[in-house]
Amino acid sequence: MTDIAVRNDQHLTIPTGHQPGTAQLAQWAQAADAAYRLAETLCNTQFVPAAYKGKPQEGCAAILAGAEVGLSPLASLRAFDNIQGTPAPKAITLRAIAQGLGHDIRIDESTPERAVVSGRRRGDPDWQTSTWDLERARQMQLLGKDQWKRQPAAMLIARATSEVCRWIASDAIMGMPYTAEEIRDQGVTVEARPAPRIVSAADFLPAAEPAPAIEASDDTIAPWEPGERDGLITAADILAEITDAATQDRLDEIKALCLDRGIRDPQVTAAWRARSEQIAQAA
């Protein structure tokens, strides 16, 4: 037996996949609502793991995940680790599920150097055996992980158990790809999810062509007058135009043309400000 018992009289009715699609959605909505109401209550008590306290959304996800494989709400919260908001089953959880459905799992050997776990599907006379030792862990670059340094025997057992359960009872565990122990071994637990972006009408309009970038250099050339796109002048010529400008209106025309052509030369900006102040003082 394990520390986690599988119940056949689960509290939540989860769609089986045999009903029409709309019926399944309705059942899922009801199950999710019931799971969330349970999570709101349970996650504010001392009876849940610390990772779920005050987090009813994560608790709801764990309860729903556990209900799919026959676990009661409290058992689900104990059986799934909360890894960055995603419930991940422990290796012992997979073993409990498999044994609860009549499959055989046995630990043949467990030391800090080696673990051997065997299993067979219910009604199948043949045993499948998974062997994990430190050499195998070393080849996968796991020995440097903190959990492998602190409890190598437990990590070896977890790896061998997970492997056997996937071999003999993948249908029972709903194809759960990784256990909590395996996810932590990867270094990155759950991929960061980008914040949702609001789609606006601009997403359906063609993008405007960007204005050409102009570097701060006397050798840089850019289109000048609107009607003279083939006529190119240097940044030095632009500075000369600013110096010769007699009125603020002319300076504003030069500024508008520079903005229109994407000219952002710091020298041009500084010269424009200086000439604008001179014209203002002269007035």
C-alpha atoms as a PDB file:
ATOM      1  CA  MET A   1       0.000   0.000   0.000  1.00  0.00           C
ATOM      2  CA  THR A   2       0.997   3.624  -0.413  1.00  0.00           C
ATOM      3  CA  ASP A   3       0.332   6.833   1.495  1.00  0.00           C
ATOM      4  CA  ILE A   4      -2.188   7.892  -1.146  1.00  0.00           C
ATOM      5  CA  ALA A   5      -5.403   5.925  -1.545  1.00  0.00           C
ATOM      6  CA  VAL A   6      -7.405   5.936  -4.764  1.00  0.00           C
ATOM      7  CA  ARG A   7     -11.154   6.263  -4.336  1.00  0.00           C
ATOM      8  CA  ASN A   8     -13.703   4.794  -6.699  1.00  0.00           C
ATOM      9  CA  ASP A   9     -16.441   7.155  -5.431  1.00  0.00           C
ATOM     10  CA  GLN A  10     -14.743  10.369  -6.524  1.00  0.00           C
ATOM     11  CA  HIS A  11     -16.563  13.551  -5.598  1.00  0.00           C
ATOM     12  CA  LEU A  12     -16.422  15.213  -9.006  1.00  0.00           C
ATOM     13  CA  THR A  13     -18.022  13.941 -12.203  1.00  0.00           C
ATOM     14  CA  ILE A  14     -15.403  14.306 -14.925  1.00  0.00           C
ATOM     15  CA  PRO A  15     -16.349  13.851 -18.636  1.00  0.00           C
ATOM     16  CA  THR A  16     -15.301  10.451 -19.973  1.00  0.00           C
ATOM     17  CA  GLY A  17     -15.081  11.372 -23.642  1.00  0.00           C
ATOM     18  CA  HIS A  18     -18.085   9.248 -24.647  1.00  0.00           C
ATOM     19  CA  GLN A  19     -20.656  12.033 -24.457  1.00  0.00           C
ATOM     20  CA  PRO A  20     -21.288  14.632 -27.198  1.00  0.00           C
ATOM     21  CA  GLY A  21     -18.930  17.583 -27.120  1.00  0.00           C
ATOM     22  CA  THR A  22     -21.456  20.054 -25.720  1.00  0.00           C
ATOM     23  CA  ALA A  23     -22.390  17.651 -22.927  1.00  0.00           C
ATOM     24  CA  GLN A  24     -18.739  17.234 -22.006  1.00  0.00           C
ATOM     25  CA  LEU A  25     -18.271  21.016 -21.862  1.00  0.00           C
ATOM     26  CA  ALA A  26     -21.276  21.352 -19.575  1.00  0.00           C
ATOM     27  CA  GLN A  27     -19.953  18.644 -17.269  1.00  0.00           C
ATOM     28  CA  TRP A  28     -16.516  20.227 -17.233  1.00  0.00           C
ATOM     29  CA  ALA A  29     -18.019  23.591 -16.321  1.00  0.00           C
ATOM     30  CA  GLN A  30     -19.929  22.011 -13.441  1.00  0.00           C
ATOM     31  CA  ALA A  31     -16.874  20.075 -12.263  1.00  0.00           C
ATOM     32  CA  ALA A  32     -14.642  23.157 -12.453  1.00  0.00           C
ATOM     33  CA  ASP A  33     -17.179  25.216 -10.488  1.00  0.00           C
ATOM     34  CA  ALA A  34     -17.453  22.537  -7.803  1.00  0.00           C
ATOM     35  CA  ALA A  35     -13.665  22.121  -7.666  1.00  0.00           C
ATOM     36  CA  TYR A  36     -13.127  25.847  -7.258  1.00  0.00           C
ATOM     37  CA  ARG A  37     -15.682  26.099  -4.442  1.00  0.00           C
ATOM     38  CA  LEU A  38     -13.927  23.224  -2.679  1.00  0.00           C
ATOM     39  CA  ALA A  39     -10.515  24.809  -3.265  1.00  0.00           C
ATOM     40  CA  GLU A  40     -11.648  28.164  -1.859  1.00  0.00           C
ATOM     41  CA  THR A  41     -12.518  26.418   1.397  1.00  0.00           C
ATOM     42  CA  LEU A  42      -9.666  23.901   1.592  1.00  0.00           C
ATOM     43  CA  CYS A  43      -6.876  26.275   0.584  1.00  0.00           C
ATOM     44  CA  ASN A  44      -7.654  28.508   3.550  1.00  0.00           C
ATOM     45  CA  THR A  45      -7.089  25.715   6.069  1.00  0.00           C
ATOM     46  CA  GLN A  46      -4.062  24.068   7.639  1.00  0.00           C
ATOM     47  CA  PHE A  47      -4.921  20.726   6.031  1.00  0.00           C
ATOM     48  CA  VAL A  48      -3.414  21.518   2.621  1.00  0.00           C
ATOM     49  CA  PRO A  49       0.280  21.673   1.667  1.00  0.00           C
ATOM     50  CA  ALA A  50       1.879  25.095   2.038  1.00  0.00           C
ATOM     51  CA  ALA A  51       2.187  25.440  -1.749  1.00  0.00           C
ATOM     52  CA  TYR A  52      -1.622  25.614  -2.055  1.00  0.00           C
ATOM     53  CA  LYS A  53      -2.480  27.813   0.939  1.00  0.00           C
ATOM     54  CA  GLY A  54      -4.292  30.929  -0.209  1.00  0.00           C
ATOM     55  CA  LYS A  55      -4.151  29.782  -3.844  1.00  0.00           C
ATOM     56  CA  PRO A  56      -7.593  28.449  -4.792  1.00  0.00           C
ATOM     57  CA  GLN A  57      -6.900  28.614  -8.536  1.00  0.00           C
ATOM     58  CA  GLU A  58      -3.916  26.272  -8.263  1.00  0.00           C
ATOM     59  CA  GLY A  59      -5.849  24.147  -5.781  1.00  0.00           C
ATOM     60  CA  CYS A  60      -8.741  23.867  -8.229  1.00  0.00           C
ATOM     61  CA  ALA A  61      -6.377  22.675 -10.973  1.00  0.00           C
ATOM     62  CA  ALA A  62      -4.919  20.022  -8.658  1.00  0.00           C
ATOM     63  CA  ILE A  63      -8.388  18.829  -7.596  1.00  0.00           C
ATOM     64  CA  LEU A  64      -9.515  18.511 -11.224  1.00  0.00           C
ATOM     65  CA  ALA A  65      -6.316  16.693 -12.185  1.00  0.00           C
ATOM     66  CA  GLY A  66      -6.740  14.300  -9.293  1.00  0.00           C
ATOM     67  CA  ALA A  67     -10.419  13.680 -10.043  1.00  0.00           C
ATOM     68  CA  GLU A  68      -9.477  12.510 -13.540  1.00  0.00           C
ATOM     69  CA  VAL A  69      -7.489   9.647 -12.032  1.00  0.00           C
ATOM     70  CA  GLY A  70      -9.843   8.875  -9.146  1.00  0.00           C
ATOM     71  CA  LEU A  71      -8.409  10.910  -6.261  1.00  0.00           C
ATOM     72  CA  SER A  72     -10.505  12.749  -3.701  1.00  0.00           C
ATOM     73  CA  PRO A  73      -9.978  16.535  -3.387  1.00  0.00           C
ATOM     74  CA  LEU A  74      -7.750  16.357  -0.286  1.00  0.00           C
ATOM     75  CA  ALA A  75      -5.759  13.456  -1.727  1.00  0.00           C
ATOM     76  CA  SER A  76      -5.279  15.441  -4.945  1.00  0.00           C
ATOM     77  CA  LEU A  77      -3.800  18.387  -3.061  1.00  0.00           C
ATOM     78  CA  ARG A  78      -1.355  16.034  -1.334  1.00  0.00           C
ATOM     79  CA  ALA A  79      -0.586  14.012  -4.459  1.00  0.00           C
ATOM     80  CA  PHE A  80       0.238  16.885  -6.827  1.00  0.00           C
ATOM     81  CA  ASP A  81       3.017  19.397  -6.249  1.00  0.00           C
ATOM     82  CA  ASN A  82       2.291  22.994  -7.165  1.00  0.00           C
ATOM     83  CA  ILE A  83       5.103  23.929  -9.560  1.00  0.00           C
ATOM     84  CA  GLN A  84       4.704  27.516 -10.732  1.00  0.00           C
ATOM     85  CA  GLY A  85       0.934  27.201 -10.759  1.00  0.00           C
ATOM     86  CA  THR A  86       0.835  23.830 -12.544  1.00  0.00           C
ATOM     87  CA  PRO A  87      -0.056  20.613 -10.679  1.00  0.00           C
ATOM     88  CA  ALA A  88       2.596  17.915 -11.201  1.00  0.00           C
ATOM     89  CA  PRO A  89       2.120  14.366  -9.852  1.00  0.00           C
ATOM     90  CA  LYS A  90       4.706  12.864  -7.537  1.00  0.00           C
ATOM     91  CA  ALA A  91       6.179   9.469  -8.401  1.00  0.00           C
ATOM     92  CA  ILE A  92       4.334   7.962  -5.443  1.00  0.00           C
ATOM     93  CA  THR A  93       1.119   9.344  -6.934  1.00  0.00           C
ATOM     94  CA  LEU A  94       1.628   7.379 -10.131  1.00  0.00           C
ATOM     95  CA  ARG A  95       2.318   4.233  -8.094  1.00  0.00           C
ATOM     96  CA  ALA A  96      -0.838   4.753  -6.029  1.00  0.00           C
ATOM     97  CA  ILE A  97      -2.962   5.197  -9.135  1.00  0.00           C
ATOM     98  CA  ALA A  98      -1.522   2.097 -10.819  1.00  0.00           C
ATOM     99  CA  GLN A  99      -1.900  -0.062  -7.701  1.00  0.00           C
ATOM    100  CA  GLY A 100      -5.395   1.260  -7.069  1.00  0.00           C
ATOM    101  CA  LEU A 101      -6.428  -0.117 -10.455  1.00  0.00           C
ATOM    102  CA  GLY A 102      -4.979  -3.545  -9.777  1.00  0.00           C
ATOM    103  CA  HIS A 103      -1.568  -3.207 -11.441  1.00  0.00           C
ATOM    104  CA  ASP A 104       1.419  -4.567  -9.526  1.00  0.00           C
ATOM    105  CA  ILE A 105       4.375  -2.362  -8.526  1.00  0.00           C
ATOM    106  CA  ARG A 106       7.185  -3.631  -6.341  1.00  0.00           C
ATOM    107  CA  ILE A 107      10.530  -2.235  -5.179  1.00  0.00           C
ATOM    108  CA  ASP A 108      13.175  -4.911  -5.682  1.00  0.00           C
ATOM    109  CA  GLU A 109      16.158  -2.861  -4.516  1.00  0.00           C
ATOM    110  CA  SER A 110      16.743   0.575  -3.029  1.00  0.00           C
ATOM    111  CA  THR A 111      20.119   1.985  -1.971  1.00  0.00           C
ATOM    112  CA  PRO A 112      21.804   5.394  -2.379  1.00  0.00           C
ATOM    113  CA  GLU A 113      23.601   3.920  -5.394  1.00  0.00           C
ATOM    114  CA  ARG A 114      20.909   1.879  -7.150  1.00  0.00           C
ATOM    115  CA  ALA A 115      17.128   1.399  -7.401  1.00  0.00           C
ATOM    116  CA  VAL A 116      15.256  -1.445  -9.103  1.00  0.00           C
ATOM    117  CA  VAL A 117      11.471  -1.240  -9.506  1.00  0.00           C
ATOM    118  CA  SER A 118       9.320  -3.824 -11.295  1.00  0.00           C
ATOM    119  CA  GLY A 119       5.723  -3.717 -12.412  1.00  0.00           C
ATOM    120  CA  ARG A 120       3.195  -5.680 -14.377  1.00  0.00           C
ATOM    121  CA  ARG A 121      -0.172  -4.818 -15.760  1.00  0.00           C
ATOM    122  CA  ARG A 122      -3.189  -6.472 -14.190  1.00  0.00           C
ATOM    123  CA  GLY A 123      -3.663  -9.881 -15.789  1.00  0.00           C
ATOM    124  CA  ASP A 124      -0.258  -9.799 -17.492  1.00  0.00           C
ATOM    125  CA  PRO A 125       2.180 -12.476 -16.235  1.00  0.00           C
ATOM    126  CA  ASP A 126       5.265 -10.614 -17.474  1.00  0.00           C
ATOM    127  CA  TRP A 127       7.087  -8.112 -15.255  1.00  0.00           C
ATOM    128  CA  GLN A 128       8.724  -4.924 -16.570  1.00  0.00           C
ATOM    129  CA  THR A 129      11.813  -3.777 -14.648  1.00  0.00           C
ATOM    130  CA  SER A 130      13.379  -0.332 -14.466  1.00  0.00           C
ATOM    131  CA  THR A 131      16.895   0.044 -13.069  1.00  0.00           C
ATOM    132  CA  TRP A 132      18.285   3.419 -12.104  1.00  0.00           C
ATOM    133  CA  ASP A 133      21.793   3.823 -10.693  1.00  0.00           C
ATOM    134  CA  LEU A 134      24.179   6.700 -10.139  1.00  0.00           C
ATOM    135  CA  GLU A 135      25.937   6.041 -13.431  1.00  0.00           C
ATOM    136  CA  ARG A 136      22.711   6.499 -15.355  1.00  0.00           C
ATOM    137  CA  ALA A 137      21.969   9.656 -13.392  1.00  0.00           C
ATOM    138  CA  ARG A 138      25.496  10.885 -14.079  1.00  0.00           C
ATOM    139  CA  GLN A 139      25.045  10.363 -17.816  1.00  0.00           C
ATOM    140  CA  MET A 140      21.934  12.547 -17.666  1.00  0.00           C
ATOM    141  CA  GLN A 141      23.841  15.195 -15.666  1.00  0.00           C
ATOM    142  CA  LEU A 142      21.542  14.884 -12.658  1.00  0.00           C
ATOM    143  CA  LEU A 143      24.038  14.358  -9.852  1.00  0.00           C
ATOM    144  CA  GLY A 144      24.790  18.047  -9.540  1.00  0.00           C
ATOM    145  CA  LYS A 145      21.173  18.835  -8.680  1.00  0.00           C
ATOM    146  CA  ASP A 146      20.499  19.732  -5.055  1.00  0.00           C
ATOM    147  CA  GLN A 147      17.855  17.037  -4.539  1.00  0.00           C
ATOM    148  CA  TRP A 148      20.217  14.357  -5.868  1.00  0.00           C
ATOM    149  CA  LYS A 149      22.940  15.457  -3.469  1.00  0.00           C
ATOM    150  CA  ARG A 150      20.607  15.390  -0.469  1.00  0.00           C
ATOM    151  CA  GLN A 151      18.577  12.230  -1.115  1.00  0.00           C
ATOM    152  CA  PRO A 152      19.958  10.096  -3.950  1.00  0.00           C
ATOM    153  CA  ALA A 153      18.076   6.947  -2.864  1.00  0.00           C
ATOM    154  CA  ALA A 154      14.701   8.693  -3.013  1.00  0.00           C
ATOM    155  CA  MET A 155      15.469  10.249  -6.385  1.00  0.00           C
ATOM    156  CA  LEU A 156      16.552   6.904  -7.851  1.00  0.00           C
ATOM    157  CA  ILE A 157      13.346   5.260  -6.614  1.00  0.00           C
ATOM    158  CA  ALA A 158      11.253   8.122  -8.000  1.00  0.00           C
ATOM    159  CA  ARG A 159      12.836   7.803 -11.433  1.00  0.00           C
ATOM    160  CA  ALA A 160      12.459   4.024 -11.597  1.00  0.00           C
ATOM    161  CA  THR A 161       8.876   4.169 -10.301  1.00  0.00           C
ATOM    162  CA  SER A 162       7.827   6.789 -12.846  1.00  0.00           C
ATOM    163  CA  GLU A 163       9.352   4.805 -15.666  1.00  0.00           C
ATOM    164  CA  VAL A 164       7.613   1.562 -14.727  1.00  0.00           C
ATOM    165  CA  CYS A 165       4.227   3.258 -14.261  1.00  0.00           C
ATOM    166  CA  ARG A 166       4.389   4.775 -17.721  1.00  0.00           C
ATOM    167  CA  TRP A 167       5.303   1.385 -19.173  1.00  0.00           C
ATOM    168  CA  ILE A 168       2.476  -0.630 -17.643  1.00  0.00           C
ATOM    169  CA  ALA A 169      -0.292   1.905 -16.909  1.00  0.00           C
ATOM    170  CA  SER A 170      -0.053   4.885 -19.230  1.00  0.00           C
ATOM    171  CA  ASP A 171      -3.830   4.813 -19.695  1.00  0.00           C
ATOM    172  CA  ALA A 172      -4.429   4.845 -15.929  1.00  0.00           C
ATOM    173  CA  ILE A 173      -2.239   7.905 -15.380  1.00  0.00           C
ATOM    174  CA  MET A 174      -3.782   9.742 -18.339  1.00  0.00           C
ATOM    175  CA  GLY A 175      -0.441   9.960 -20.139  1.00  0.00           C
ATOM    176  CA  MET A 176       1.069  12.296 -17.516  1.00  0.00           C
ATOM    177  CA  PRO A 177       4.442  12.979 -19.163  1.00  0.00           C
ATOM    178  CA  TYR A 178       6.574  14.045 -16.188  1.00  0.00           C
ATOM    179  CA  THR A 179       6.477  13.744 -12.436  1.00  0.00           C
ATOM    180  CA  ALA A 180       7.312  16.589 -10.061  1.00  0.00           C
ATOM    181  CA  GLU A 181      10.733  15.032  -9.410  1.00  0.00           C
ATOM    182  CA  GLU A 182      11.516  14.870 -13.117  1.00  0.00           C
ATOM    183  CA  ILE A 183      10.351  18.431 -13.745  1.00  0.00           C
ATOM    184  CA  ARG A 184      12.602  19.755 -10.985  1.00  0.00           C
ATOM    185  CA  ASP A 185      15.522  17.808 -12.467  1.00  0.00           C
ATOM    186  CA  GLN A 186      15.107  19.796 -15.666  1.00  0.00           C
ATOM    187  CA  GLY A 187      16.140  22.950 -13.877  1.00  0.00           C
ATOM    188  CA  VAL A 188      13.281  24.964 -15.362  1.00  0.00           C
ATOM    189  CA  THR A 189       9.987  23.898 -13.856  1.00  0.00           C
ATOM    190  CA  VAL A 190       7.274  25.426 -16.013  1.00  0.00           C
ATOM    191  CA  GLU A 191       7.835  27.713 -18.974  1.00  0.00           C
ATOM    192  CA  ALA A 192       7.053  31.339 -18.254  1.00  0.00           C
ATOM    193  CA  ARG A 193       3.830  32.385 -19.889  1.00  0.00           C
ATOM    194  CA  PRO A 194       3.726  35.804 -21.536  1.00  0.00           C
ATOM    195  CA  ALA A 195       1.111  38.232 -20.315  1.00  0.00           C
ATOM    196  CA  PRO A 196      -1.984  38.232 -22.529  1.00  0.00           C
ATOM    197  CA  ARG A 197      -2.121  41.024 -25.126  1.00  0.00           C
ATOM    198  CA  ILE A 198      -5.336  42.787 -26.098  1.00  0.00           C
ATOM    199  CA  VAL A 199      -5.979  42.565 -29.825  1.00  0.00           C
ATOM    200  CA  SER A 200      -7.066  45.822 -31.434  1.00  0.00           C
ATOM    201  CA  ALA A 201      -8.070  46.931 -34.911  1.00  0.00           C
ATOM    202  CA  ALA A 202      -4.438  47.866 -35.539  1.00  0.00           C
ATOM    203  CA  ASP A 203      -3.608  44.147 -35.669  1.00  0.00           C
ATOM    204  CA  PHE A 204      -5.663  43.871 -38.857  1.00  0.00           C
ATOM    205  CA  LEU A 205      -4.135  46.872 -40.656  1.00  0.00           C
ATOM    206  CA  PRO A 206      -1.009  46.720 -42.850  1.00  0.00           C
ATOM    207  CA  ALA A 207       2.094  47.906 -41.058  1.00  0.00           C
ATOM    208  CA  ALA A 208       3.512  51.231 -42.189  1.00  0.00           C
ATOM    209  CA  GLU A 209       6.991  51.211 -43.646  1.00  0.00           C
ATOM    210  CA  PRO A 210       9.498  52.591 -41.101  1.00  0.00           C
ATOM    211  CA  ALA A 211      11.313  55.785 -41.877  1.00  0.00           C
ATOM    212  CA  PRO A 212      14.984  55.355 -42.795  1.00  0.00           C
ATOM    213  CA  ALA A 213      17.348  55.594 -39.805  1.00  0.00           C
ATOM    214  CA  ILE A 214      19.933  58.359 -40.063  1.00  0.00           C
ATOM    215  CA  GLU A 215      23.202  58.087 -38.171  1.00  0.00           C
ATOM    216  CA  ALA A 216      24.986  61.085 -36.702  1.00  0.00           C
ATOM    217  CA  SER A 217      27.702  61.606 -39.282  1.00  0.00           C
ATOM    218  CA  ASP A 218      28.740  64.328 -41.674  1.00  0.00           C
ATOM    219  CA  ASP A 219      28.822  61.693 -44.401  1.00  0.00           C
ATOM    220  CA  THR A 220      25.214  60.610 -43.798  1.00  0.00           C
ATOM    221  CA  ILE A 221      22.822  61.489 -46.596  1.00  0.00           C
ATOM    222  CA  ALA A 222      19.048  61.667 -46.602  1.00  0.00           C
ATOM    223  CA  PRO A 223      16.177  62.861 -48.828  1.00  0.00           C
ATOM    224  CA  TRP A 224      15.602  66.594 -48.430  1.00  0.00           C
ATOM    225  CA  GLU A 225      12.753  68.536 -49.979  1.00  0.00           C
ATOM    226  CA  PRO A 226       9.491  66.592 -50.590  1.00  0.00           C
ATOM    227  CA  GLY A 227       9.687  67.174 -54.315  1.00  0.00           C
ATOM    228  CA  GLU A 228      13.358  66.296 -54.514  1.00  0.00           C
ATOM    229  CA  ARG A 229      13.513  62.671 -53.329  1.00  0.00           C
ATOM    230  CA  ASP A 230      16.388  62.005 -55.700  1.00  0.00           C
ATOM    231  CA  GLY A 231      18.328  64.948 -54.393  1.00  0.00           C
ATOM    232  CA  LEU A 232      20.441  63.924 -51.368  1.00  0.00           C
ATOM    233  CA  ILE A 233      22.378  66.163 -49.027  1.00  0.00           C
ATOM    234  CA  THR A 234      24.705  65.581 -46.108  1.00  0.00           C
ATOM    235  CA  ALA A 235      24.035  66.221 -42.432  1.00  0.00           C
ATOM    236  CA  ALA A 236      26.408  69.164 -42.720  1.00  0.00           C
ATOM    237  CA  ASP A 237      24.057  70.718 -45.298  1.00  0.00           C
ATOM    238  CA  ILE A 238      21.141  70.323 -42.884  1.00  0.00           C
ATOM    239  CA  LEU A 239      23.136  72.111 -40.190  1.00  0.00           C
ATOM    240  CA  ALA A 240      23.873  74.895 -42.699  1.00  0.00           C
ATOM    241  CA  GLU A 241      20.161  75.234 -43.484  1.00  0.00           C
ATOM    242  CA  ILE A 242      19.459  75.643 -39.769  1.00  0.00           C
ATOM    243  CA  THR A 243      22.168  78.251 -39.365  1.00  0.00           C
ATOM    244  CA  ASP A 244      20.823  80.251 -42.340  1.00  0.00           C
ATOM    245  CA  ALA A 245      17.206  80.081 -41.190  1.00  0.00           C
ATOM    246  CA  ALA A 246      15.974  83.637 -40.532  1.00  0.00           C
ATOM    247  CA  THR A 247      12.603  82.855 -39.010  1.00  0.00           C
ATOM    248  CA  GLN A 248      11.024  80.348 -36.671  1.00  0.00           C
ATOM    249  CA  ASP A 249       8.695  79.282 -39.487  1.00  0.00           C
ATOM    250  CA  ARG A 250      11.690  78.213 -41.560  1.00  0.00           C
ATOM    251  CA  LEU A 251      13.106  76.319 -38.592  1.00  0.00           C
ATOM    252  CA  ASP A 252       9.764  74.572 -38.158  1.00  0.00           C
ATOM    253  CA  GLU A 253       9.786  73.574 -41.842  1.00  0.00           C
ATOM    254  CA  ILE A 254      13.260  72.081 -41.424  1.00  0.00           C
ATOM    255  CA  LYS A 255      12.147  70.260 -38.281  1.00  0.00           C
ATOM    256  CA  ALA A 256       9.073  68.841 -40.030  1.00  0.00           C
ATOM    257  CA  LEU A 257      11.157  67.636 -42.956  1.00  0.00           C
ATOM    258  CA  CYS A 258      13.679  65.991 -40.619  1.00  0.00           C
ATOM    259  CA  LEU A 259      10.917  64.241 -38.711  1.00  0.00           C
ATOM    260  CA  ASP A 260       9.299  63.133 -41.946  1.00  0.00           C
ATOM    261  CA  ARG A 261      12.569  61.618 -43.158  1.00  0.00           C
ATOM    262  CA  GLY A 262      13.409  59.980 -39.828  1.00  0.00           C
ATOM    263  CA  ILE A 263      16.418  62.201 -39.181  1.00  0.00           C
ATOM    264  CA  ARG A 264      17.323  62.047 -35.473  1.00  0.00           C
ATOM    265  CA  ASP A 265      20.895  63.375 -35.534  1.00  0.00           C
ATOM    266  CA  PRO A 266      21.749  64.844 -32.065  1.00  0.00           C
ATOM    267  CA  GLN A 267      23.827  67.551 -33.728  1.00  0.00           C
ATOM    268  CA  VAL A 268      20.867  68.636 -35.819  1.00  0.00           C
ATOM    269  CA  THR A 269      18.598  68.731 -32.776  1.00  0.00           C
ATOM    270  CA  ALA A 270      21.079  70.784 -30.752  1.00  0.00           C
ATOM    271  CA  ALA A 271      21.647  73.218 -33.630  1.00  0.00           C
ATOM    272  CA  TRP A 272      17.892  73.637 -34.154  1.00  0.00           C
ATOM    273  CA  ARG A 273      17.329  74.492 -30.477  1.00  0.00           C
ATOM    274  CA  ALA A 274      20.223  76.944 -30.402  1.00  0.00           C
ATOM    275  CA  ARG A 275      19.036  78.743 -33.563  1.00  0.00           C
ATOM    276  CA  SER A 276      15.458  78.835 -32.258  1.00  0.00           C
ATOM    277  CA  GLU A 277      16.644  80.576 -29.073  1.00  0.00           C
ATOM    278  CA  GLN A 278      18.672  83.097 -31.112  1.00  0.00           C
ATOM    279  CA  ILE A 279      15.656  83.999 -33.247  1.00  0.00           C
ATOM    280  CA  ALA A 280      13.465  84.356 -30.137  1.00  0.00           C
ATOM    281  CA  GLN A 281      15.989  86.643 -28.445  1.00  0.00           C
ATOM    282  CA  ALA A 282      16.360  88.771 -31.579  1.00  0.00           C
ATOM    283  CA  ALA A 283      12.649  89.256 -31.732  1.00  0.00           C
END
